[in-house]
Amino acid sequence: MNEPARSVPAHLRTSPEGHHPKDKLMIISSLSARRRHLTSFERCYAVACQLRDTTGADQFVVRTDDPLQPFRDSRHQPSEPETILALVA
């Protein structure tokens, strides 16, 4: 017979990729000060401004779900789950 589905406690759940929620926190907390500087919003925005000046194309600064690359810039409007933080036009 089939047993009823049981909910998994929050501390045991994993993401679809199989990562435990605490994994991201551990990665973020273990990043060096240099890495945090290089992956900051300010750094990403500066790169987007440089690309806008160089290419003439509008740039989006977006937040990602990746702790190793929390922000990125793109010429194209992002899709879910990324969030637009700035538009350099």
PDB file of N, CA and C in Angstrom:
ATOM      1  N   MET A   1       0.820  -1.186   0.000  1.00  0.00           N
ATOM      2  CA  MET A   1       0.000   0.000   0.000  1.00  0.00           C
ATOM      3  C   MET A   1       0.865   1.252   0.000  1.00  0.00           C
ATOM      4  N   ASN A   2       0.323   2.283  -0.570  1.00  0.00           N
ATOM      5  CA  ASN A   2       1.051   3.550  -0.606  1.00  0.00           C
ATOM      6  C   ASN A   2       0.939   4.265   0.732  1.00  0.00           C
ATOM      7  N   GLU A   3       2.074   4.755   1.197  1.00  0.00           N
ATOM      8  CA  GLU A   3       2.069   5.525   2.434  1.00  0.00           C
ATOM      9  C   GLU A   3       1.798   6.978   2.099  1.00  0.00           C
ATOM     10  N   PRO A   4       1.142   7.720   2.994  1.00  0.00           N
ATOM     11  CA  PRO A   4       0.892   9.134   2.726  1.00  0.00           C
ATOM     12  C   PRO A   4       2.208   9.900   2.663  1.00  0.00           C
ATOM     13  N   ALA A   5       2.230  10.916   1.803  1.00  0.00           N
ATOM     14  CA  ALA A   5       3.435  11.737   1.662  1.00  0.00           C
ATOM     15  C   ALA A   5       3.652  12.525   2.945  1.00  0.00           C
ATOM     16  N   ARG A   6       4.898  12.599   3.351  1.00  0.00           N
ATOM     17  CA  ARG A   6       5.234  13.357   4.548  1.00  0.00           C
ATOM     18  C   ARG A   6       6.065  14.561   4.146  1.00  0.00           C
ATOM     19  N   SER A   7       5.850  15.646   4.846  1.00  0.00           N
ATOM     20  CA  SER A   7       6.649  16.829   4.524  1.00  0.00           C
ATOM     21  C   SER A   7       8.039  16.664   5.131  1.00  0.00           C
ATOM     22  N   VAL A   8       9.003  17.190   4.426  1.00  0.00           N
ATOM     23  CA  VAL A   8      10.389  17.122   4.865  1.00  0.00           C
ATOM     24  C   VAL A   8      10.682  18.356   5.705  1.00  0.00           C
ATOM     25  N   PRO A   9      11.293  18.198   6.874  1.00  0.00           N
ATOM     26  CA  PRO A   9      11.627  19.373   7.685  1.00  0.00           C
ATOM     27  C   PRO A   9      12.527  20.339   6.901  1.00  0.00           C
ATOM     28  N   ALA A  10      12.350  21.630   7.169  1.00  0.00           N
ATOM     29  CA  ALA A  10      13.067  22.666   6.412  1.00  0.00           C
ATOM     30  C   ALA A  10      14.571  22.467   6.444  1.00  0.00           C
ATOM     31  N   HIS A  11      15.122  22.024   7.565  1.00  0.00           N
ATOM     32  CA  HIS A  11      16.578  21.887   7.658  1.00  0.00           C
ATOM     33  C   HIS A  11      17.123  20.711   6.846  1.00  0.00           C
ATOM     34  N   LEU A  12      16.235  19.859   6.305  1.00  0.00           N
ATOM     35  CA  LEU A  12      16.676  18.735   5.489  1.00  0.00           C
ATOM     36  C   LEU A  12      16.380  18.916   4.008  1.00  0.00           C
ATOM     37  N   ARG A  13      15.652  19.966   3.635  1.00  0.00           N
ATOM     38  CA  ARG A  13      15.292  20.188   2.235  1.00  0.00           C
ATOM     39  C   ARG A  13      16.516  20.588   1.419  1.00  0.00           C
ATOM     40  N   THR A  14      16.478  20.234   0.153  1.00  0.00           N
ATOM     41  CA  THR A  14      17.535  20.625  -0.768  1.00  0.00           C
ATOM     42  C   THR A  14      16.917  21.338  -1.954  1.00  0.00           C
ATOM     43  N   SER A  15      17.744  22.051  -2.695  1.00  0.00           N
ATOM     44  CA  SER A  15      17.281  22.725  -3.901  1.00  0.00           C
ATOM     45  C   SER A  15      17.122  21.678  -5.003  1.00  0.00           C
ATOM     46  N   PRO A  16      16.522  22.058  -6.142  1.00  0.00           N
ATOM     47  CA  PRO A  16      16.407  21.101  -7.257  1.00  0.00           C
ATOM     48  C   PRO A  16      17.760  20.575  -7.722  1.00  0.00           C
ATOM     49  N   GLU A  17      18.817  21.371  -7.500  1.00  0.00           N
ATOM     50  CA  GLU A  17      20.152  20.929  -7.910  1.00  0.00           C
ATOM     51  C   GLU A  17      20.778  19.998  -6.875  1.00  0.00           C
ATOM     52  N   GLY A  18      20.099  19.799  -5.740  1.00  0.00           N
ATOM     53  CA  GLY A  18      20.619  18.913  -4.709  1.00  0.00           C
ATOM     54  C   GLY A  18      21.448  19.616  -3.651  1.00  0.00           C
ATOM     55  N   HIS A  19      21.465  20.948  -3.658  1.00  0.00           N
ATOM     56  CA  HIS A  19      22.251  21.684  -2.682  1.00  0.00           C
ATOM     57  C   HIS A  19      21.417  21.978  -1.446  1.00  0.00           C
ATOM     58  N   HIS A  20      22.035  21.874  -0.323  1.00  0.00           N
ATOM     59  CA  HIS A  20      21.381  22.215   0.937  1.00  0.00           C
ATOM     60  C   HIS A  20      21.357  23.737   1.063  1.00  0.00           C
ATOM     61  N   PRO A  21      20.289  24.341   1.619  1.00  0.00           N
ATOM     62  CA  PRO A  21      20.213  25.804   1.724  1.00  0.00           C
ATOM     63  C   PRO A  21      21.398  26.419   2.459  1.00  0.00           C
ATOM     64  N   LYS A  22      21.958  25.703   3.410  1.00  0.00           N
ATOM     65  CA  LYS A  22      23.087  26.250   4.162  1.00  0.00           C
ATOM     66  C   LYS A  22      24.362  26.302   3.323  1.00  0.00           C
ATOM     67  N   ASP A  23      24.418  25.532   2.214  1.00  0.00           N
ATOM     68  CA  ASP A  23      25.604  25.531   1.359  1.00  0.00           C
ATOM     69  C   ASP A  23      25.904  26.928   0.837  1.00  0.00           C
ATOM     70  N   LYS A  24      24.871  27.659   0.392  1.00  0.00           N
ATOM     71  CA  LYS A  24      25.075  29.004  -0.133  1.00  0.00           C
ATOM     72  C   LYS A  24      25.600  29.926   0.944  1.00  0.00           C
ATOM     73  N   LEU A  25      25.069  29.795   2.160  1.00  0.00           N
ATOM     74  CA  LEU A  25      25.549  30.632   3.256  1.00  0.00           C
ATOM     75  C   LEU A  25      27.009  30.346   3.567  1.00  0.00           C
ATOM     76  N   MET A  26      27.391  29.083   3.506  1.00  0.00           N
ATOM     77  CA  MET A  26      28.776  28.724   3.774  1.00  0.00           C
ATOM     78  C   MET A  26      29.689  29.280   2.690  1.00  0.00           C
ATOM     79  N   ILE A  27      29.257  29.233   1.443  1.00  0.00           N
ATOM     80  CA  ILE A  27      30.065  29.764   0.343  1.00  0.00           C
ATOM     81  C   ILE A  27      30.227  31.267   0.505  1.00  0.00           C
ATOM     82  N   ILE A  28      29.134  31.967   0.775  1.00  0.00           N
ATOM     83  CA  ILE A  28      29.184  33.418   0.917  1.00  0.00           C
ATOM     84  C   ILE A  28      30.080  33.821   2.070  1.00  0.00           C
ATOM     85  N   SER A  29      29.946  33.147   3.207  1.00  0.00           N
ATOM     86  CA  SER A  29      30.732  33.518   4.375  1.00  0.00           C
ATOM     87  C   SER A  29      32.203  33.175   4.213  1.00  0.00           C
ATOM     88  N   SER A  30      32.531  32.233   3.338  1.00  0.00           N
ATOM     89  CA  SER A  30      33.926  31.840   3.167  1.00  0.00           C
ATOM     90  C   SER A  30      34.640  32.627   2.067  1.00  0.00           C
ATOM     91  N   LEU A  31      33.950  33.529   1.382  1.00  0.00           N
ATOM     92  CA  LEU A  31      34.584  34.300   0.322  1.00  0.00           C
ATOM     93  C   LEU A  31      35.587  35.290   0.913  1.00  0.00           C
ATOM     94  N   SER A  32      36.658  35.476   0.222  1.00  0.00           N
ATOM     95  CA  SER A  32      37.658  36.430   0.672  1.00  0.00           C
ATOM     96  C   SER A  32      37.160  37.858   0.461  1.00  0.00           C
ATOM     97  N   ALA A  33      37.805  38.788   1.138  1.00  0.00           N
ATOM     98  CA  ALA A  33      37.443  40.197   0.982  1.00  0.00           C
ATOM     99  C   ALA A  33      37.649  40.637  -0.469  1.00  0.00           C
ATOM    100  N   ARG A  34      38.690  40.124  -1.109  1.00  0.00           N
ATOM    101  CA  ARG A  34      38.970  40.472  -2.505  1.00  0.00           C
ATOM    102  C   ARG A  34      37.845  39.978  -3.415  1.00  0.00           C
ATOM    103  N   ARG A  35      37.391  38.752  -3.221  1.00  0.00           N
ATOM    104  CA  ARG A  35      36.312  38.191  -4.035  1.00  0.00           C
ATOM    105  C   ARG A  35      35.026  38.992  -3.803  1.00  0.00           C
ATOM    106  N   ARG A  36      34.725  39.337  -2.544  1.00  0.00           N
ATOM    107  CA  ARG A  36      33.521  40.127  -2.263  1.00  0.00           C
ATOM    108  C   ARG A  36      33.585  41.474  -2.973  1.00  0.00           C
ATOM    109  N   HIS A  37      34.784  42.079  -3.015  1.00  0.00           N
ATOM    110  CA  HIS A  37      34.938  43.358  -3.725  1.00  0.00           C
ATOM    111  C   HIS A  37      34.710  43.172  -5.225  1.00  0.00           C
ATOM    112  N   LEU A  38      35.290  42.133  -5.792  1.00  0.00           N
ATOM    113  CA  LEU A  38      35.180  41.908  -7.238  1.00  0.00           C
ATOM    114  C   LEU A  38      33.770  41.518  -7.670  1.00  0.00           C
ATOM    115  N   THR A  39      32.982  40.960  -6.756  1.00  0.00           N
ATOM    116  CA  THR A  39      31.629  40.544  -7.103  1.00  0.00           C
ATOM    117  C   THR A  39      30.571  41.484  -6.537  1.00  0.00           C
ATOM    118  N   SER A  40      30.961  42.680  -6.160  1.00  0.00           N
ATOM    119  CA  SER A  40      30.016  43.633  -5.566  1.00  0.00           C
ATOM    120  C   SER A  40      29.139  44.288  -6.640  1.00  0.00           C
ATOM    121  N   PHE A  41      28.021  44.846  -6.182  1.00  0.00           N
ATOM    122  CA  PHE A  41      27.140  45.586  -7.081  1.00  0.00           C
ATOM    123  C   PHE A  41      27.882  46.765  -7.698  1.00  0.00           C
ATOM    124  N   GLU A  42      28.659  47.477  -6.885  1.00  0.00           N
ATOM    125  CA  GLU A  42      29.383  48.650  -7.367  1.00  0.00           C
ATOM    126  C   GLU A  42      30.331  48.291  -8.508  1.00  0.00           C
ATOM    127  N   ARG A  43      31.019  47.177  -8.366  1.00  0.00           N
ATOM    128  CA  ARG A  43      31.959  46.722  -9.406  1.00  0.00           C
ATOM    129  C   ARG A  43      31.196  46.358 -10.690  1.00  0.00           C
ATOM    130  N   CYS A  44      30.100  45.649 -10.532  1.00  0.00           N
ATOM    131  CA  CYS A  44      29.286  45.252 -11.683  1.00  0.00           C
ATOM    132  C   CYS A  44      28.715  46.484 -12.391  1.00  0.00           C
ATOM    133  N   TYR A  45      28.262  47.457 -11.630  1.00  0.00           N
ATOM    134  CA  TYR A  45      27.717  48.684 -12.211  1.00  0.00           C
ATOM    135  C   TYR A  45      28.800  49.439 -12.983  1.00  0.00           C
ATOM    136  N   ALA A  46      30.018  49.479 -12.425  1.00  0.00           N
ATOM    137  CA  ALA A  46      31.129  50.143 -13.115  1.00  0.00           C
ATOM    138  C   ALA A  46      31.441  49.457 -14.442  1.00  0.00           C
ATOM    139  N   VAL A  47      31.420  48.140 -14.453  1.00  0.00           N
ATOM    140  CA  VAL A  47      31.656  47.390 -15.700  1.00  0.00           C
ATOM    141  C   VAL A  47      30.541  47.680 -16.703  1.00  0.00           C
ATOM    142  N   ALA A  48      29.294  47.730 -16.226  1.00  0.00           N
ATOM    143  CA  ALA A  48      28.168  48.034 -17.113  1.00  0.00           C
ATOM    144  C   ALA A  48      28.323  49.424 -17.728  1.00  0.00           C
ATOM    145  N   CYS A  49      28.780  50.389 -16.941  1.00  0.00           N
ATOM    146  CA  CYS A  49      29.008  51.750 -17.469  1.00  0.00           C
ATOM    147  C   CYS A  49      30.105  51.752 -18.525  1.00  0.00           C
ATOM    148  N   GLN A  50      31.183  51.013 -18.275  1.00  0.00           N
ATOM    149  CA  GLN A  50      32.272  50.921 -19.251  1.00  0.00           C
ATOM    150  C   GLN A  50      31.781  50.268 -20.541  1.00  0.00           C
ATOM    151  N   LEU A  51      31.002  49.205 -20.419  1.00  0.00           N
ATOM    152  CA  LEU A  51      30.476  48.541 -21.612  1.00  0.00           C
ATOM    153  C   LEU A  51      29.520  49.451 -22.373  1.00  0.00           C
ATOM    154  N   ARG A  52      28.726  50.213 -21.666  1.00  0.00           N
ATOM    155  CA  ARG A  52      27.801  51.154 -22.315  1.00  0.00           C
ATOM    156  C   ARG A  52      28.580  52.195 -23.104  1.00  0.00           C
ATOM    157  N   ASP A  53      29.641  52.719 -22.477  1.00  0.00           N
ATOM    158  CA  ASP A  53      30.469  53.720 -23.165  1.00  0.00           C
ATOM    159  C   ASP A  53      31.178  53.121 -24.380  1.00  0.00           C
ATOM    160  N   THR A  54      31.635  51.888 -24.261  1.00  0.00           N
ATOM    161  CA  THR A  54      32.397  51.237 -25.329  1.00  0.00           C
ATOM    162  C   THR A  54      31.511  50.782 -26.483  1.00  0.00           C
ATOM    163  N   THR A  55      30.390  50.141 -26.148  1.00  0.00           N
ATOM    164  CA  THR A  55      29.564  49.534 -27.192  1.00  0.00           C
ATOM    165  C   THR A  55      28.385  50.401 -27.616  1.00  0.00           C
ATOM    166  N   GLY A  56      27.961  51.308 -26.751  1.00  0.00           N
ATOM    167  CA  GLY A  56      26.783  52.114 -27.042  1.00  0.00           C
ATOM    168  C   GLY A  56      25.477  51.384 -26.777  1.00  0.00           C
ATOM    169  N   ALA A  57      25.568  50.133 -26.326  1.00  0.00           N
ATOM    170  CA  ALA A  57      24.366  49.338 -26.054  1.00  0.00           C
ATOM    171  C   ALA A  57      23.961  49.482 -24.589  1.00  0.00           C
ATOM    172  N   ASP A  58      22.657  49.554 -24.344  1.00  0.00           N
ATOM    173  CA  ASP A  58      22.157  49.588 -22.971  1.00  0.00           C
ATOM    174  C   ASP A  58      22.598  48.327 -22.234  1.00  0.00           C
ATOM    175  N   GLN A  59      22.827  48.467 -20.933  1.00  0.00           N
ATOM    176  CA  GLN A  59      23.266  47.345 -20.105  1.00  0.00           C
ATOM    177  C   GLN A  59      22.349  47.200 -18.905  1.00  0.00           C
ATOM    178  N   PHE A  60      21.990  45.970 -18.587  1.00  0.00           N
ATOM    179  CA  PHE A  60      21.222  45.669 -17.384  1.00  0.00           C
ATOM    180  C   PHE A  60      22.175  45.154 -16.318  1.00  0.00           C
ATOM    181  N   VAL A  61      22.016  45.620 -15.092  1.00  0.00           N
ATOM    182  CA  VAL A  61      22.718  45.039 -13.950  1.00  0.00           C
ATOM    183  C   VAL A  61      21.676  44.207 -13.220  1.00  0.00           C
ATOM    184  N   VAL A  62      21.952  42.917 -13.067  1.00  0.00           N
ATOM    185  CA  VAL A  62      20.968  42.010 -12.490  1.00  0.00           C
ATOM    186  C   VAL A  62      21.527  41.262 -11.285  1.00  0.00           C
ATOM    187  N   ARG A  63      20.610  40.896 -10.386  1.00  0.00           N
ATOM    188  CA  ARG A  63      20.962  40.051  -9.245  1.00  0.00           C
ATOM    189  C   ARG A  63      20.688  38.612  -9.652  1.00  0.00           C
ATOM    190  N   THR A  64      21.638  37.738  -9.356  1.00  0.00           N
ATOM    191  CA  THR A  64      21.485  36.320  -9.654  1.00  0.00           C
ATOM    192  C   THR A  64      21.279  35.553  -8.352  1.00  0.00           C
ATOM    193  N   ASP A  65      21.018  34.275  -8.453  1.00  0.00           N
ATOM    194  CA  ASP A  65      20.918  33.411  -7.278  1.00  0.00           C
ATOM    195  C   ASP A  65      22.226  32.682  -7.007  1.00  0.00           C
ATOM    196  N   ASP A  66      23.282  33.068  -7.690  1.00  0.00           N
ATOM    197  CA  ASP A  66      24.569  32.405  -7.554  1.00  0.00           C
ATOM    198  C   ASP A  66      25.445  33.159  -6.559  1.00  0.00           C
ATOM    199  N   PRO A  67      25.807  32.562  -5.420  1.00  0.00           N
ATOM    200  CA  PRO A  67      26.618  33.273  -4.440  1.00  0.00           C
ATOM    201  C   PRO A  67      28.020  33.605  -4.942  1.00  0.00           C
ATOM    202  N   LEU A  68      28.510  32.873  -5.933  1.00  0.00           N
ATOM    203  CA  LEU A  68      29.829  33.180  -6.481  1.00  0.00           C
ATOM    204  C   LEU A  68      29.780  34.308  -7.502  1.00  0.00           C
ATOM    205  N   GLN A  69      28.615  34.587  -8.058  1.00  0.00           N
ATOM    206  CA  GLN A  69      28.414  35.707  -8.979  1.00  0.00           C
ATOM    207  C   GLN A  69      27.051  36.329  -8.665  1.00  0.00           C
ATOM    208  N   PRO A  70      26.970  37.075  -7.560  1.00  0.00           N
ATOM    209  CA  PRO A  70      25.666  37.597  -7.140  1.00  0.00           C
ATOM    210  C   PRO A  70      25.093  38.659  -8.080  1.00  0.00           C
ATOM    211  N   PHE A  71      25.956  39.330  -8.852  1.00  0.00           N
ATOM    212  CA  PHE A  71      25.512  40.353  -9.802  1.00  0.00           C
ATOM    213  C   PHE A  71      26.204  40.107 -11.131  1.00  0.00           C
ATOM    214  N   ARG A  72      25.510  40.477 -12.205  1.00  0.00           N
ATOM    215  CA  ARG A  72      26.133  40.410 -13.528  1.00  0.00           C
ATOM    216  C   ARG A  72      25.498  41.477 -14.397  1.00  0.00           C
ATOM    217  N   ASP A  73      26.176  41.806 -15.482  1.00  0.00           N
ATOM    218  CA  ASP A  73      25.585  42.755 -16.424  1.00  0.00           C
ATOM    219  C   ASP A  73      25.298  42.025 -17.726  1.00  0.00           C
ATOM    220  N   SER A  74      24.325  42.561 -18.455  1.00  0.00           N
ATOM    221  CA  SER A  74      23.880  41.909 -19.682  1.00  0.00           C
ATOM    222  C   SER A  74      23.296  42.939 -20.628  1.00  0.00           C
ATOM    223  N   ARG A  75      23.451  42.706 -21.919  1.00  0.00           N
ATOM    224  CA  ARG A  75      22.801  43.555 -22.930  1.00  0.00           C
ATOM    225  C   ARG A  75      21.333  43.191 -23.083  1.00  0.00           C
ATOM    226  N   HIS A  76      20.967  42.019 -22.615  1.00  0.00           N
ATOM    227  CA  HIS A  76      19.607  41.511 -22.782  1.00  0.00           C
ATOM    228  C   HIS A  76      18.869  41.511 -21.456  1.00  0.00           C
ATOM    229  N   GLN A  77      17.567  41.799 -21.521  1.00  0.00           N
ATOM    230  CA  GLN A  77      16.747  41.775 -20.313  1.00  0.00           C
ATOM    231  C   GLN A  77      16.760  40.359 -19.735  1.00  0.00           C
ATOM    232  N   PRO A  78      17.001  40.226 -18.442  1.00  0.00           N
ATOM    233  CA  PRO A  78      17.126  38.893 -17.836  1.00  0.00           C
ATOM    234  C   PRO A  78      15.778  38.200 -17.676  1.00  0.00           C
ATOM    235  N   SER A  79      15.853  36.895 -17.467  1.00  0.00           N
ATOM    236  CA  SER A  79      14.651  36.113 -17.209  1.00  0.00           C
ATOM    237  C   SER A  79      14.651  35.688 -15.740  1.00  0.00           C
ATOM    238  N   GLU A  80      13.572  35.090 -15.317  1.00  0.00           N
ATOM    239  CA  GLU A  80      13.464  34.598 -13.936  1.00  0.00           C
ATOM    240  C   GLU A  80      14.586  33.607 -13.672  1.00  0.00           C
ATOM    241  N   PRO A  81      15.136  33.517 -12.506  1.00  0.00           N
ATOM    242  CA  PRO A  81      14.834  34.224 -11.266  1.00  0.00           C
ATOM    243  C   PRO A  81      15.678  35.475 -11.064  1.00  0.00           C
ATOM    244  N   GLU A  82      16.359  35.951 -12.090  1.00  0.00           N
ATOM    245  CA  GLU A  82      17.190  37.133 -11.947  1.00  0.00           C
ATOM    246  C   GLU A  82      16.324  38.393 -11.847  1.00  0.00           C
ATOM    247  N   THR A  83      16.843  39.394 -11.140  1.00  0.00           N
ATOM    248  CA  THR A  83      16.115  40.630 -10.900  1.00  0.00           C
ATOM    249  C   THR A  83      16.925  41.798 -11.425  1.00  0.00           C
ATOM    250  N   ILE A  84      16.281  42.693 -12.175  1.00  0.00           N
ATOM    251  CA  ILE A  84      16.956  43.903 -12.668  1.00  0.00           C
ATOM    252  C   ILE A  84      17.170  44.861 -11.502  1.00  0.00           C
ATOM    253  N   LEU A  85      18.407  45.298 -11.325  1.00  0.00           N
ATOM    254  CA  LEU A  85      18.726  46.259 -10.286  1.00  0.00           C
ATOM    255  C   LEU A  85      18.999  47.648 -10.862  1.00  0.00           C
ATOM    256  N   ALA A  86      19.522  47.674 -12.093  1.00  0.00           N
ATOM    257  CA  ALA A  86      19.826  48.963 -12.715  1.00  0.00           C
ATOM    258  C   ALA A  86      19.843  48.797 -14.231  1.00  0.00           C
ATOM    259  N   LEU A  87      19.557  49.902 -14.909  1.00  0.00           N
ATOM    260  CA  LEU A  87      19.653  49.957 -16.371  1.00  0.00           C
ATOM    261  C   LEU A  87      20.579  51.107 -16.702  1.00  0.00           C
ATOM    262  N   VAL A  88      21.676  50.798 -17.366  1.00  0.00           N
ATOM    263  CA  VAL A  88      22.631  51.823 -17.795  1.00  0.00           C
ATOM    264  C   VAL A  88      22.306  52.115 -19.249  1.00  0.00           C
ATOM    265  N   ALA A  89      21.704  53.297 -19.465  1.00  0.00           N
ATOM    266  CA  ALA A  89      21.244  53.648 -20.805  1.00  0.00           C
ATOM    267  C   ALA A  89      21.921  54.903 -21.301  1.00  0.00           C
TER     268      ALA A  89
END
